Amino acid sequence: FMGWYRQAPGKERELVANIVGNGIVNYANSVKARFTISRDNAKN
């Protein structure tokens, strides 16, 4: 259960993308098709 969040000045922290389980990924609508989350378990 890992994710990336971001916080812009004057704004609340928001989810950007997460990756769960065997590789299910989710993206905020604002970053879909532009951002890609990935995971290397061997390198943590």
All heavy atoms as atom14 arrays in JSON, in Angstrom:
{
  "sequence": "FMGWYRQAPGKERELVANIVGNGIVNYANSVKARFTISRDNAKN",
  "atom14_mask": [
    [1, 1, 1, 1, 1, 1, 1, 1, 1, 1, 1, 0, 0, 0],
    [1, 1, 1, 1, 1, 1, 1, 1, 0, 0, 0, 0, 0, 0],
    [1, 1, 1, 1, 0, 0, 0, 0, 0, 0, 0, 0, 0, 0],
    [1, 1, 1, 1, 1, 1, 1, 1, 1, 1, 1, 1, 1, 1],
    [1, 1, 1, 1, 1, 1, 1, 1, 1, 1, 1, 1, 0, 0],
    [1, 1, 1, 1, 1, 1, 1, 1, 1, 1, 1, 0, 0, 0],
    [1, 1, 1, 1, 1, 1, 1, 1, 1, 0, 0, 0, 0, 0],
    [1, 1, 1, 1, 1, 0, 0, 0, 0, 0, 0, 0, 0, 0],
    [1, 1, 1, 1, 1, 1, 1, 0, 0, 0, 0, 0, 0, 0],
    [1, 1, 1, 1, 0, 0, 0, 0, 0, 0, 0, 0, 0, 0],
    [1, 1, 1, 1, 1, 1, 1, 1, 1, 0, 0, 0, 0, 0],
    [1, 1, 1, 1, 1, 1, 1, 1, 1, 0, 0, 0, 0, 0],
    [1, 1, 1, 1, 1, 1, 1, 1, 1, 1, 1, 0, 0, 0],
    [1, 1, 1, 1, 1, 1, 1, 1, 1, 0, 0, 0, 0, 0],
    [1, 1, 1, 1, 1, 1, 1, 1, 0, 0, 0, 0, 0, 0],
    [1, 1, 1, 1, 1, 1, 1, 0, 0, 0, 0, 0, 0, 0],
    [1, 1, 1, 1, 1, 0, 0, 0, 0, 0, 0, 0, 0, 0],
    [1, 1, 1, 1, 1, 1, 1, 1, 0, 0, 0, 0, 0, 0],
    [1, 1, 1, 1, 1, 1, 1, 1, 0, 0, 0, 0, 0, 0],
    [1, 1, 1, 1, 1, 1, 1, 0, 0, 0, 0, 0, 0, 0],
    [1, 1, 1, 1, 0, 0, 0, 0, 0, 0, 0, 0, 0, 0],
    [1, 1, 1, 1, 1, 1, 1, 1, 0, 0, 0, 0, 0, 0],
    [1, 1, 1, 1, 0, 0, 0, 0, 0, 0, 0, 0, 0, 0],
    [1, 1, 1, 1, 1, 1, 1, 1, 0, 0, 0, 0, 0, 0],
    [1, 1, 1, 1, 1, 1, 1, 0, 0, 0, 0, 0, 0, 0],
    [1, 1, 1, 1, 1, 1, 1, 1, 0, 0, 0, 0, 0, 0],
    [1, 1, 1, 1, 1, 1, 1, 1, 1, 1, 1, 1, 0, 0],
    [1, 1, 1, 1, 1, 0, 0, 0, 0, 0, 0, 0, 0, 0],
    [1, 1, 1, 1, 1, 1, 1, 1, 0, 0, 0, 0, 0, 0],
    [1, 1, 1, 1, 1, 1, 0, 0, 0, 0, 0, 0, 0, 0],
    [1, 1, 1, 1, 1, 1, 1, 0, 0, 0, 0, 0, 0, 0],
    [1, 1, 1, 1, 1, 1, 1, 1, 1, 0, 0, 0, 0, 0],
    [1, 1, 1, 1, 1, 0, 0, 0, 0, 0, 0, 0, 0, 0],
    [1, 1, 1, 1, 1, 1, 1, 1, 1, 1, 1, 0, 0, 0],
    [1, 1, 1, 1, 1, 1, 1, 1, 1, 1, 1, 0, 0, 0],
    [1, 1, 1, 1, 1, 1, 1, 0, 0, 0, 0, 0, 0, 0],
    [1, 1, 1, 1, 1, 1, 1, 1, 0, 0, 0, 0, 0, 0],
    [1, 1, 1, 1, 1, 1, 0, 0, 0, 0, 0, 0, 0, 0],
    [1, 1, 1, 1, 1, 1, 1, 1, 1, 1, 1, 0, 0, 0],
    [1, 1, 1, 1, 1, 1, 1, 1, 0, 0, 0, 0, 0, 0],
    [1, 1, 1, 1, 1, 1, 1, 1, 0, 0, 0, 0, 0, 0],
    [1, 1, 1, 1, 1, 0, 0, 0, 0, 0, 0, 0, 0, 0],
    [1, 1, 1, 1, 1, 1, 1, 1, 1, 0, 0, 0, 0, 0],
    [1, 1, 1, 1, 1, 1, 1, 1, 0, 0, 0, 0, 0, 0]
  ],
  "atom14_positions": [
    [[0.86, -1.19, 0.0], [0.0, 0.0, 0.0], [0.89, 1.24, 0.0], [1.26, 1.74, 1.05], [-0.92, 0.01, 1.22], [-1.87, -1.14, 1.25], [-1.55, -2.31, 1.92], [-3.09, -1.07, 0.6], [-2.4, -3.39, 1.94], [-3.97, -2.15, 0.61], [-3.62, -3.3, 1.28], [0.0, 0.0, 0.0], [0.0, 0.0, 0.0], [0.0, 0.0, 0.0]],
    [[1.21, 1.68, -1.19], [2.1, 2.84, -1.31], [1.48, 3.86, -2.23], [0.74, 3.53, -3.16], [3.47, 2.42, -1.84], [4.23, 1.55, -0.87], [6.0, 1.83, -0.97], [6.13, 3.52, -0.39], [0.0, 0.0, 0.0], [0.0, 0.0, 0.0], [0.0, 0.0, 0.0], [0.0, 0.0, 0.0], [0.0, 0.0, 0.0], [0.0, 0.0, 0.0]],
    [[1.82, 5.11, -1.96], [1.27, 6.16, -2.79], [2.13, 7.4, -2.82], [3.06, 7.54, -2.02], [0.0, 0.0, 0.0], [0.0, 0.0, 0.0], [0.0, 0.0, 0.0], [0.0, 0.0, 0.0], [0.0, 0.0, 0.0], [0.0, 0.0, 0.0], [0.0, 0.0, 0.0], [0.0, 0.0, 0.0], [0.0, 0.0, 0.0], [0.0, 0.0, 0.0]],
    [[1.8, 8.26, -3.75], [2.4, 9.6, -3.83], [1.28, 10.62, -3.62], [0.21, 10.51, -4.22], [3.04, 9.82, -5.2], [4.33, 9.11, -5.39], [4.53, 7.89, -5.99], [5.63, 9.57, -5.01], [5.86, 7.57, -5.98], [6.55, 8.59, -5.39], [6.09, 10.72, -4.37], [7.93, 8.72, -5.16], [7.46, 10.85, -4.14], [8.35, 9.86, -4.53]],
    [[1.58, 11.57, -2.77], [0.67, 12.68, -2.52], [1.42, 13.97, -2.84], [2.65, 13.98, -2.94], [0.24, 12.7, -1.05], [-0.71, 11.59, -0.66], [-0.26, 10.27, -0.55], [-2.04, 11.85, -0.37], [-1.13, 9.25, -0.19], [-2.92, 10.84, -0.01], [-2.45, 9.54, 0.09], [-3.31, 8.54, 0.45], [0.0, 0.0, 0.0], [0.0, 0.0, 0.0]],
    [[0.68, 15.05, -2.95], [1.32, 16.34, -3.16], [0.54, 17.43, -2.44], [-0.66, 17.29, -2.21], [1.46, 16.67, -4.65], [0.14, 16.95, -5.36], [0.39, 17.12, -6.85], [-0.85, 17.39, -7.58], [-0.92, 17.47, -8.91], [0.17, 17.29, -9.66], [-2.08, 17.71, -9.49], [0.0, 0.0, 0.0], [0.0, 0.0, 0.0], [0.0, 0.0, 0.0]],
    [[1.28, 18.47, -2.1], [0.66, 19.61, -1.43], [1.21, 20.89, -2.04], [2.41, 21.17, -1.93], [0.91, 19.59, 0.07], [0.15, 20.65, 0.82], [0.14, 20.41, 2.31], [0.93, 19.64, 2.86], [-0.79, 21.05, 3.01], [0.0, 0.0, 0.0], [0.0, 0.0, 0.0], [0.0, 0.0, 0.0], [0.0, 0.0, 0.0], [0.0, 0.0, 0.0]],
    [[0.33, 21.63, -2.69], [0.7, 22.91, -3.28], [0.51, 24.0, -2.23], [-0.25, 23.84, -1.27], [-0.17, 23.18, -4.5], [0.0, 0.0, 0.0], [0.0, 0.0, 0.0], [0.0, 0.0, 0.0], [0.0, 0.0, 0.0], [0.0, 0.0, 0.0], [0.0, 0.0, 0.0], [0.0, 0.0, 0.0], [0.0, 0.0, 0.0], [0.0, 0.0, 0.0]],
    [[1.19, 25.12, -2.4], [1.06, 26.22, -1.43], [-0.39, 26.64, -1.25], [-1.11, 26.86, -2.24], [1.88, 27.34, -2.07], [2.88, 26.64, -2.92], [2.17, 25.42, -3.45], [0.0, 0.0, 0.0], [0.0, 0.0, 0.0], [0.0, 0.0, 0.0], [0.0, 0.0, 0.0], [0.0, 0.0, 0.0], [0.0, 0.0, 0.0], [0.0, 0.0, 0.0]],
    [[-0.83, 26.69, 0.0], [-2.18, 27.12, 0.29], [-3.25, 26.1, 0.05], [-4.44, 26.4, 0.18], [0.0, 0.0, 0.0], [0.0, 0.0, 0.0], [0.0, 0.0, 0.0], [0.0, 0.0, 0.0], [0.0, 0.0, 0.0], [0.0, 0.0, 0.0], [0.0, 0.0, 0.0], [0.0, 0.0, 0.0], [0.0, 0.0, 0.0], [0.0, 0.0, 0.0]],
    [[-2.85, 24.89, -0.3], [-3.82, 23.84, -0.6], [-3.61, 22.64, 0.31], [-2.55, 22.48, 0.93], [-3.74, 23.41, -2.06], [-4.13, 24.51, -3.05], [-4.2, 23.97, -4.46], [-4.67, 25.05, -5.43], [-4.78, 24.52, -6.82], [0.0, 0.0, 0.0], [0.0, 0.0, 0.0], [0.0, 0.0, 0.0], [0.0, 0.0, 0.0], [0.0, 0.0, 0.0]],
    [[-4.62, 21.79, 0.37], [-4.51, 20.58, 1.17], [-3.73, 19.51, 0.41], [-3.65, 19.52, -0.82], [-5.91, 20.05, 1.51], [-6.71, 20.97, 2.42], [-8.02, 20.34, 2.87], [-8.36, 19.26, 2.35], [-8.7, 20.93, 3.73], [0.0, 0.0, 0.0], [0.0, 0.0, 0.0], [0.0, 0.0, 0.0], [0.0, 0.0, 0.0], [0.0, 0.0, 0.0]],
    [[-3.17, 18.58, 1.18], [-2.47, 17.47, 0.57], [-3.47, 16.59, -0.18], [-4.56, 16.31, 0.33], [-1.74, 16.66, 1.64], [-0.77, 15.65, 1.11], [0.04, 15.01, 2.23], [0.85, 15.99, 2.94], [1.79, 15.67, 3.84], [2.02, 14.41, 4.12], [2.47, 16.61, 4.45], [0.0, 0.0, 0.0], [0.0, 0.0, 0.0], [0.0, 0.0, 0.0]],
    [[-3.08, 16.16, -1.37], [-3.99, 15.36, -2.18], [-3.27, 14.13, -2.73], [-2.06, 14.16, -2.96], [-4.55, 16.18, -3.35], [-3.5, 16.66, -4.34], [-4.1, 17.38, -5.54], [-5.33, 17.51, -5.62], [-3.31, 17.81, -6.41], [0.0, 0.0, 0.0], [0.0, 0.0, 0.0], [0.0, 0.0, 0.0], [0.0, 0.0, 0.0], [0.0, 0.0, 0.0]],
    [[-4.05, 13.09, -2.96], [-3.5, 11.87, -3.55], [-3.2, 12.11, -5.02], [-4.03, 12.62, -5.77], [-4.49, 10.72, -3.4], [-4.11, 9.41, -4.08], [-2.89, 8.78, -3.42], [-5.29, 8.44, -4.08], [0.0, 0.0, 0.0], [0.0, 0.0, 0.0], [0.0, 0.0, 0.0], [0.0, 0.0, 0.0], [0.0, 0.0, 0.0], [0.0, 0.0, 0.0]],
    [[-2.01, 11.71, -5.43], [-1.62, 11.77, -6.84], [-1.8, 10.41, -7.49], [-2.43, 10.28, -8.54], [-0.17, 12.24, -6.99], [0.26, 12.2, -8.45], [0.02, 13.63, -6.41], [0.0, 0.0, 0.0], [0.0, 0.0, 0.0], [0.0, 0.0, 0.0], [0.0, 0.0, 0.0], [0.0, 0.0, 0.0], [0.0, 0.0, 0.0], [0.0, 0.0, 0.0]],
    [[-1.24, 9.39, -6.84], [-1.32, 8.04, -7.38], [-1.01, 7.05, -6.27], [-0.27, 7.39, -5.34], [-0.34, 7.84, -8.54], [0.0, 0.0, 0.0], [0.0, 0.0, 0.0], [0.0, 0.0, 0.0], [0.0, 0.0, 0.0], [0.0, 0.0, 0.0], [0.0, 0.0, 0.0], [0.0, 0.0, 0.0], [0.0, 0.0, 0.0], [0.0, 0.0, 0.0]],
    [[-1.57, 5.86, -6.36], [-1.16, 4.81, -5.43], [-1.08, 3.48, -6.14], [-1.62, 3.3, -7.24], [-2.04, 4.74, -4.18], [-3.49, 4.45, -4.48], [-3.84, 4.02, -5.58], [-4.36, 4.69, -3.52], [0.0, 0.0, 0.0], [0.0, 0.0, 0.0], [0.0, 0.0, 0.0], [0.0, 0.0, 0.0], [0.0, 0.0, 0.0], [0.0, 0.0, 0.0]],
    [[-0.36, 2.58, -5.52], [-0.19, 1.24, -6.06], [-0.41, 0.27, -4.92], [0.21, 0.4, -3.86], [1.19, 1.07, -6.73], [1.34, -0.34, -7.33], [2.33, 1.41, -5.8], [2.52, -0.46, -8.29], [0.0, 0.0, 0.0], [0.0, 0.0, 0.0], [0.0, 0.0, 0.0], [0.0, 0.0, 0.0], [0.0, 0.0, 0.0], [0.0, 0.0, 0.0]],
    [[-1.32, -0.68, -5.12], [-1.71, -1.56, -4.03], [-1.69, -3.01, -4.5], [-1.78, -3.3, -5.7], [-3.11, -1.21, -3.49], [-3.12, 0.2, -2.94], [-4.17, -1.37, -4.57], [0.0, 0.0, 0.0], [0.0, 0.0, 0.0], [0.0, 0.0, 0.0], [0.0, 0.0, 0.0], [0.0, 0.0, 0.0], [0.0, 0.0, 0.0], [0.0, 0.0, 0.0]],
    [[-1.54, -3.9, -3.53], [-1.6, -5.32, -3.82], [-0.58, -5.75, -4.87], [0.6, -5.41, -4.8], [0.0, 0.0, 0.0], [0.0, 0.0, 0.0], [0.0, 0.0, 0.0], [0.0, 0.0, 0.0], [0.0, 0.0, 0.0], [0.0, 0.0, 0.0], [0.0, 0.0, 0.0], [0.0, 0.0, 0.0], [0.0, 0.0, 0.0], [0.0, 0.0, 0.0]],
    [[-1.07, -6.49, -5.84], [-0.2, -7.03, -6.89], [0.1, -6.05, -8.01], [0.65, -6.45, -9.04], [-0.81, -8.29, -7.47], [-0.76, -9.44, -6.48], [0.15, -9.52, -5.67], [-1.74, -10.32, -6.55], [0.0, 0.0, 0.0], [0.0, 0.0, 0.0], [0.0, 0.0, 0.0], [0.0, 0.0, 0.0], [0.0, 0.0, 0.0], [0.0, 0.0, 0.0]],
    [[-0.27, -4.81, -7.81], [0.06, -3.81, -8.8], [-1.11, -3.01, -9.31], [-1.01, -2.38, -10.37], [0.0, 0.0, 0.0], [0.0, 0.0, 0.0], [0.0, 0.0, 0.0], [0.0, 0.0, 0.0], [0.0, 0.0, 0.0], [0.0, 0.0, 0.0], [0.0, 0.0, 0.0], [0.0, 0.0, 0.0], [0.0, 0.0, 0.0], [0.0, 0.0, 0.0]],
    [[-2.19, -3.01, -8.58], [-3.34, -2.18, -8.98], [-2.98, -0.72, -8.74], [-2.53, -0.35, -7.65], [-4.59, -2.56, -8.18], [-4.95, -4.03, -8.45], [-5.75, -1.64, -8.53], [-6.04, -4.56, -7.56], [0.0, 0.0, 0.0], [0.0, 0.0, 0.0], [0.0, 0.0, 0.0], [0.0, 0.0, 0.0], [0.0, 0.0, 0.0], [0.0, 0.0, 0.0]],
    [[-3.17, 0.09, -9.76], [-2.79, 1.5, -9.66], [-4.01, 2.39, -9.8], [-4.98, 2.05, -10.47], [-1.74, 1.87, -10.72], [-0.45, 1.09, -10.49], [-2.27, 1.63, -12.12], [0.0, 0.0, 0.0], [0.0, 0.0, 0.0], [0.0, 0.0, 0.0], [0.0, 0.0, 0.0], [0.0, 0.0, 0.0], [0.0, 0.0, 0.0], [0.0, 0.0, 0.0]],
    [[-3.94, 3.51, -9.13], [-4.99, 4.51, -9.2], [-4.34, 5.87, -9.35], [-3.28, 6.12, -8.77], [-5.83, 4.5, -7.92], [-6.51, 3.17, -7.69], [-7.46, 2.82, -8.36], [-6.0, 2.41, -6.73], [0.0, 0.0, 0.0], [0.0, 0.0, 0.0], [0.0, 0.0, 0.0], [0.0, 0.0, 0.0], [0.0, 0.0, 0.0], [0.0, 0.0, 0.0]],
    [[-4.99, 6.74, -10.12], [-4.45, 8.07, -10.37], [-5.53, 9.13, -10.15], [-6.71, 8.91, -10.42], [-3.95, 8.19, -11.81], [-2.81, 7.28, -12.14], [-3.03, 6.06, -12.75], [-1.49, 7.64, -11.84], [-1.98, 5.21, -13.06], [-0.43, 6.8, -12.14], [-0.68, 5.6, -12.74], [0.37, 4.75, -13.04], [0.0, 0.0, 0.0], [0.0, 0.0, 0.0]],
    [[-5.08, 10.28, -9.69], [-5.97, 11.44, -9.68], [-6.3, 11.8, -11.12], [-5.46, 11.64, -12.02], [-5.3, 12.61, -8.97], [0.0, 0.0, 0.0], [0.0, 0.0, 0.0], [0.0, 0.0, 0.0], [0.0, 0.0, 0.0], [0.0, 0.0, 0.0], [0.0, 0.0, 0.0], [0.0, 0.0, 0.0], [0.0, 0.0, 0.0], [0.0, 0.0, 0.0]],
    [[-7.5, 12.28, -11.35], [-7.91, 12.63, -12.71], [-6.96, 13.64, -13.35], [-6.7, 13.6, -14.55], [-9.34, 13.18, -12.71], [-10.37, 12.1, -12.47], [-10.14, 10.92, -12.76], [-11.51, 12.47, -11.93], [0.0, 0.0, 0.0], [0.0, 0.0, 0.0], [0.0, 0.0, 0.0], [0.0, 0.0, 0.0], [0.0, 0.0, 0.0], [0.0, 0.0, 0.0]],
    [[-6.42, 14.53, -12.54], [-5.58, 15.6, -13.06], [-4.24, 15.1, -13.6], [-3.58, 15.84, -14.33], [-5.34, 16.64, -11.97], [-4.7, 16.05, -10.85], [0.0, 0.0, 0.0], [0.0, 0.0, 0.0], [0.0, 0.0, 0.0], [0.0, 0.0, 0.0], [0.0, 0.0, 0.0], [0.0, 0.0, 0.0], [0.0, 0.0, 0.0], [0.0, 0.0, 0.0]],
    [[-3.85, 13.88, -13.26], [-2.54, 13.39, -13.71], [-2.64, 12.16, -14.59], [-1.61, 11.66, -15.08], [-1.62, 13.09, -12.51], [-1.51, 14.3, -11.59], [-2.07, 11.86, -11.74], [0.0, 0.0, 0.0], [0.0, 0.0, 0.0], [0.0, 0.0, 0.0], [0.0, 0.0, 0.0], [0.0, 0.0, 0.0], [0.0, 0.0, 0.0], [0.0, 0.0, 0.0]],
    [[-3.83, 11.65, -14.79], [-4.0, 10.46, -15.64], [-3.4, 10.7, -17.02], [-3.53, 11.79, -17.58], [-5.48, 10.11, -15.77], [-6.03, 9.36, -14.57], [-7.5, 9.0, -14.79], [-8.04, 8.26, -13.58], [-9.48, 7.94, -13.72], [0.0, 0.0, 0.0], [0.0, 0.0, 0.0], [0.0, 0.0, 0.0], [0.0, 0.0, 0.0], [0.0, 0.0, 0.0]],
    [[-2.76, 9.69, -17.54], [-2.11, 9.71, -18.86], [-0.82, 10.53, -18.88], [-0.13, 10.58, -19.89], [-3.05, 10.21, -19.95], [0.0, 0.0, 0.0], [0.0, 0.0, 0.0], [0.0, 0.0, 0.0], [0.0, 0.0, 0.0], [0.0, 0.0, 0.0], [0.0, 0.0, 0.0], [0.0, 0.0, 0.0], [0.0, 0.0, 0.0], [0.0, 0.0, 0.0]],
    [[-0.49, 11.17, -17.77], [0.77, 11.93, -17.69], [1.75, 11.34, -16.68], [2.96, 11.41, -16.86], [0.49, 13.4, -17.34], [-0.36, 14.13, -18.34], [-0.4, 15.63, -18.05], [-0.99, 15.93, -16.76], [-0.35, 16.61, -15.78], [0.89, 17.05, -15.98], [-0.96, 16.86, -14.63], [0.0, 0.0, 0.0], [0.0, 0.0, 0.0], [0.0, 0.0, 0.0]],
    [[1.23, 10.81, -15.59], [2.07, 10.26, -14.53], [1.94, 8.74, -14.49], [0.86, 8.2, -14.77], [1.63, 10.82, -13.17], [1.93, 12.27, -12.94], [2.33, 13.11, -13.96], [1.78, 12.82, -11.67], [2.59, 14.45, -13.75], [2.04, 14.15, -11.42], [2.44, 14.97, -12.48], [0.0, 0.0, 0.0], [0.0, 0.0, 0.0], [0.0, 0.0, 0.0]],
    [[3.03, 8.09, -14.09], [3.01, 6.64, -13.94], [3.69, 6.26, -12.64], [4.83, 6.65, -12.39], [3.74, 5.96, -15.1], [3.15, 6.35, -16.35], [3.65, 4.44, -14.97], [0.0, 0.0, 0.0], [0.0, 0.0, 0.0], [0.0, 0.0, 0.0], [0.0, 0.0, 0.0], [0.0, 0.0, 0.0], [0.0, 0.0, 0.0], [0.0, 0.0, 0.0]],
    [[2.99, 5.5, -11.81], [3.56, 5.0, -10.56], [4.01, 3.56, -10.78], [3.36, 2.79, -11.49], [2.54, 5.09, -9.4], [3.21, 4.75, -8.07], [1.31, 4.22, -9.65], [2.33, 5.03, -6.85], [0.0, 0.0, 0.0], [0.0, 0.0, 0.0], [0.0, 0.0, 0.0], [0.0, 0.0, 0.0], [0.0, 0.0, 0.0], [0.0, 0.0, 0.0]],
    [[5.17, 3.24, -10.21], [5.67, 1.87, -10.33], [6.43, 1.52, -9.05], [6.75, 2.4, -8.24], [6.57, 1.71, -11.56], [7.69, 2.57, -11.48], [0.0, 0.0, 0.0], [0.0, 0.0, 0.0], [0.0, 0.0, 0.0], [0.0, 0.0, 0.0], [0.0, 0.0, 0.0], [0.0, 0.0, 0.0], [0.0, 0.0, 0.0], [0.0, 0.0, 0.0]],
    [[6.75, 0.24, -8.93], [7.33, -0.24, -7.69], [8.39, -1.29, -8.01], [8.18, -2.14, -8.87], [6.22, -0.85, -6.83], [6.58, -1.37, -5.48], [5.33, -1.87, -4.77], [4.74, -3.01, -5.46], [3.48, -3.41, -5.3], [2.67, -2.76, -4.49], [3.03, -4.45, -5.96], [0.0, 0.0, 0.0], [0.0, 0.0, 0.0], [0.0, 0.0, 0.0]],
    [[9.5, -1.21, -7.3], [10.56, -2.22, -7.41], [10.69, -2.86, -6.03], [11.36, -2.31, -5.15], [11.87, -1.58, -7.86], [12.96, -2.6, -8.11], [12.91, -3.71, -7.52], [13.89, -2.29, -8.87], [0.0, 0.0, 0.0], [0.0, 0.0, 0.0], [0.0, 0.0, 0.0], [0.0, 0.0, 0.0], [0.0, 0.0, 0.0], [0.0, 0.0, 0.0]],
    [[10.06, -4.01, -5.86], [10.06, -4.64, -4.53], [11.46, -5.05, -4.09], [11.78, -5.0, -2.9], [9.13, -5.85, -4.54], [7.68, -5.45, -4.64], [7.27, -4.39, -4.17], [6.87, -6.3, -5.25], [0.0, 0.0, 0.0], [0.0, 0.0, 0.0], [0.0, 0.0, 0.0], [0.0, 0.0, 0.0], [0.0, 0.0, 0.0], [0.0, 0.0, 0.0]],
    [[12.28, -5.44, -5.03], [13.63, -5.88, -4.69], [14.47, -4.75, -4.11], [15.37, -4.97, -3.29], [14.32, -6.47, -5.91], [0.0, 0.0, 0.0], [0.0, 0.0, 0.0], [0.0, 0.0, 0.0], [0.0, 0.0, 0.0], [0.0, 0.0, 0.0], [0.0, 0.0, 0.0], [0.0, 0.0, 0.0], [0.0, 0.0, 0.0], [0.0, 0.0, 0.0]],
    [[14.17, -3.53, -4.54], [14.94, -2.38, -4.07], [14.14, -1.55, -3.07], [14.6, -0.47, -2.66], [15.33, -1.5, -5.27], [16.27, -2.19, -6.24], [16.67, -1.25, -7.36], [17.65, -1.93, -8.32], [18.05, -1.04, -9.44], [0.0, 0.0, 0.0], [0.0, 0.0, 0.0], [0.0, 0.0, 0.0], [0.0, 0.0, 0.0], [0.0, 0.0, 0.0]],
    [[12.96, -2.03, -2.67], [12.12, -1.29, -1.72], [11.94, 0.16, -2.16], [12.06, 1.09, -1.35], [12.71, -1.34, -0.31], [12.57, -2.71, 0.31], [11.73, -3.52, -0.09], [13.4, -3.01, 1.29], [0.0, 0.0, 0.0], [0.0, 0.0, 0.0], [0.0, 0.0, 0.0], [0.0, 0.0, 0.0], [0.0, 0.0, 0.0], [0.0, 0.0, 0.0]]
  ]
}
